[in-house]
Amino acid sequence: MLTAGIDHVATITKDSDWLQRFYVENFGASIEFDGLEFPGGPRVSIINIGPDCELNVFEIEGMGFDIRGGCRLPGPSP
C-alpha cells in the first residue's frame, strides 16, 4: 500500500475545496475535519487517505501547490 508507514503529511493549498474533491473523487478519501485551526487562524482540512494516514491541509491565500498550475509563493507573479 502506498501510504504504509506514513502517519500524516502537512501541505499548503490555496483551494481546500478543490483539493478535498480531488482526493475524495479519485482515491475514495474522507474528510475528518474542515475548519479553522484556531480562532482567526488558517483553514485546516484533515483528509483521510488510508488506514492511519492523513493529509493535514492548510489553506493560505496566495501560497501552496496547485496541481493545475505549479507552485505559487507569496509575492508578485513573474
C-alpha atoms as a PDB file:
ATOM      1  CA  MET A   1       0.000   0.000   0.000  1.00  0.00           C
ATOM      2  CA  LEU A   2       1.307   3.433  -0.975  1.00  0.00           C
ATOM      3  CA  THR A   3       0.623   5.011   2.438  1.00  0.00           C
ATOM      4  CA  ALA A   4       2.043   2.190   4.606  1.00  0.00           C
ATOM      5  CA  GLY A   5       4.191   3.632   7.389  1.00  0.00           C
ATOM      6  CA  ILE A   6       3.057   7.257   6.922  1.00  0.00           C
ATOM      7  CA  ASP A   7       1.070   8.866   9.746  1.00  0.00           C
ATOM      8  CA  HIS A   8       0.414  12.259   8.177  1.00  0.00           C
ATOM      9  CA  VAL A   9       1.723  14.760   5.651  1.00  0.00           C
ATOM     10  CA  ALA A  10       1.215  18.518   6.026  1.00  0.00           C
ATOM     11  CA  THR A  11       0.773  20.664   2.925  1.00  0.00           C
ATOM     12  CA  ILE A  12      -0.410  24.132   1.895  1.00  0.00           C
ATOM     13  CA  THR A  13      -3.030  24.943  -0.720  1.00  0.00           C
ATOM     14  CA  LYS A  14      -4.907  27.963  -1.954  1.00  0.00           C
ATOM     15  CA  ASP A  15      -8.085  25.913  -2.674  1.00  0.00           C
ATOM     16  CA  SER A  16      -9.096  23.398   0.012  1.00  0.00           C
ATOM     17  CA  ASP A  17     -12.458  22.679  -1.597  1.00  0.00           C
ATOM     18  CA  TRP A  18     -10.856  21.604  -4.868  1.00  0.00           C
ATOM     19  CA  LEU A  19      -8.191  19.523  -3.090  1.00  0.00           C
ATOM     20  CA  GLN A  20     -10.814  17.747  -0.961  1.00  0.00           C
ATOM     21  CA  ARG A  21     -12.913  16.898  -4.033  1.00  0.00           C
ATOM     22  CA  PHE A  22      -9.808  15.628  -5.851  1.00  0.00           C
ATOM     23  CA  TYR A  23      -8.886  13.157  -3.088  1.00  0.00           C
ATOM     24  CA  VAL A  24     -12.477  12.072  -2.365  1.00  0.00           C
ATOM     25  CA  GLU A  25     -13.416  11.509  -6.016  1.00  0.00           C
ATOM     26  CA  ASN A  26     -10.138   9.944  -7.187  1.00  0.00           C
ATOM     27  CA  PHE A  27      -8.947   7.995  -4.152  1.00  0.00           C
ATOM     28  CA  GLY A  28     -12.058   7.445  -2.016  1.00  0.00           C
ATOM     29  CA  ALA A  29     -10.656   9.630   0.779  1.00  0.00           C
ATOM     30  CA  SER A  30     -12.848  11.029   3.540  1.00  0.00           C
ATOM     31  CA  ILE A  31     -12.829  14.421   5.250  1.00  0.00           C
ATOM     32  CA  GLU A  32     -12.198  14.097   9.005  1.00  0.00           C
ATOM     33  CA  PHE A  33     -12.062  17.823   9.814  1.00  0.00           C
ATOM     34  CA  ASP A  34     -12.583  21.084   7.940  1.00  0.00           C
ATOM     35  CA  GLY A  35     -12.450  24.370   9.837  1.00  0.00           C
ATOM     36  CA  LEU A  36     -10.219  26.968  11.411  1.00  0.00           C
ATOM     37  CA  GLU A  37      -7.077  25.726  13.160  1.00  0.00           C
ATOM     38  CA  PHE A  38      -7.760  28.325  15.871  1.00  0.00           C
ATOM     39  CA  PRO A  39      -9.950  31.456  16.021  1.00  0.00           C
ATOM     40  CA  GLY A  40      -8.696  33.800  13.307  1.00  0.00           C
ATOM     41  CA  GLY A  41      -6.249  31.169  12.063  1.00  0.00           C
ATOM     42  CA  PRO A  42      -5.932  29.403   8.732  1.00  0.00           C
ATOM     43  CA  ARG A  43      -8.473  26.907   7.435  1.00  0.00           C
ATOM     44  CA  VAL A  44      -7.335  23.343   8.040  1.00  0.00           C
ATOM     45  CA  SER A  45      -8.626  20.187   6.382  1.00  0.00           C
ATOM     46  CA  ILE A  46      -7.739  16.708   7.571  1.00  0.00           C
ATOM     47  CA  ILE A  47      -8.197  14.275   4.695  1.00  0.00           C
ATOM     48  CA  ASN A  48      -8.029  10.542   5.485  1.00  0.00           C
ATOM     49  CA  ILE A  49      -6.233   8.874   2.586  1.00  0.00           C
ATOM     50  CA  GLY A  50      -5.624   5.410   4.014  1.00  0.00           C
ATOM     51  CA  PRO A  51      -5.599   3.364   7.193  1.00  0.00           C
ATOM     52  CA  ASP A  52      -3.972   5.552   9.859  1.00  0.00           C
ATOM     53  CA  CYS A  53      -2.790   8.060   7.200  1.00  0.00           C
ATOM     54  CA  GLU A  54      -3.966  11.595   6.588  1.00  0.00           C
ATOM     55  CA  LEU A  55      -3.196  14.846   4.821  1.00  0.00           C
ATOM     56  CA  ASN A  56      -3.197  17.963   7.009  1.00  0.00           C
ATOM     57  CA  VAL A  57      -4.005  20.722   4.524  1.00  0.00           C
ATOM     58  CA  PHE A  58      -3.597  24.387   5.425  1.00  0.00           C
ATOM     59  CA  GLU A  59      -5.345  26.897   3.160  1.00  0.00           C
ATOM     60  CA  ILE A  60      -3.307  30.078   2.880  1.00  0.00           C
ATOM     61  CA  GLU A  61      -4.241  32.655   0.233  1.00  0.00           C
ATOM     62  CA  GLY A  62      -1.545  33.161  -2.367  1.00  0.00           C
ATOM     63  CA  MET A  63       0.538  30.163  -1.302  1.00  0.00           C
ATOM     64  CA  GLY A  64       0.664  26.478  -1.989  1.00  0.00           C
ATOM     65  CA  PHE A  65       0.952  23.969  -4.760  1.00  0.00           C
ATOM     66  CA  ASP A  66      -1.777  23.958  -7.368  1.00  0.00           C
ATOM     67  CA  ILE A  67      -1.773  20.681  -9.290  1.00  0.00           C
ATOM     68  CA  ARG A  68      -3.320  22.592 -12.186  1.00  0.00           C
ATOM     69  CA  GLY A  69      -0.611  25.249 -12.383  1.00  0.00           C
ATOM     70  CA  GLY A  70       2.500  24.543 -10.291  1.00  0.00           C
ATOM     71  CA  CYS A  71       3.897  26.075  -7.137  1.00  0.00           C
ATOM     72  CA  ARG A  72       2.797  29.537  -6.030  1.00  0.00           C
ATOM     73  CA  LEU A  73       4.764  31.544  -3.497  1.00  0.00           C
ATOM     74  CA  PRO A  74       3.815  34.855  -1.911  1.00  0.00           C
ATOM     75  CA  GLY A  75       4.618  37.986  -3.843  1.00  0.00           C
ATOM     76  CA  PRO A  76       4.079  39.262  -7.352  1.00  0.00           C
ATOM     77  CA  SER A  77       3.928  36.841 -10.255  1.00  0.00           C
ATOM     78  CA  PRO A  78       6.999  36.846 -12.513  1.00  0.00           C
END
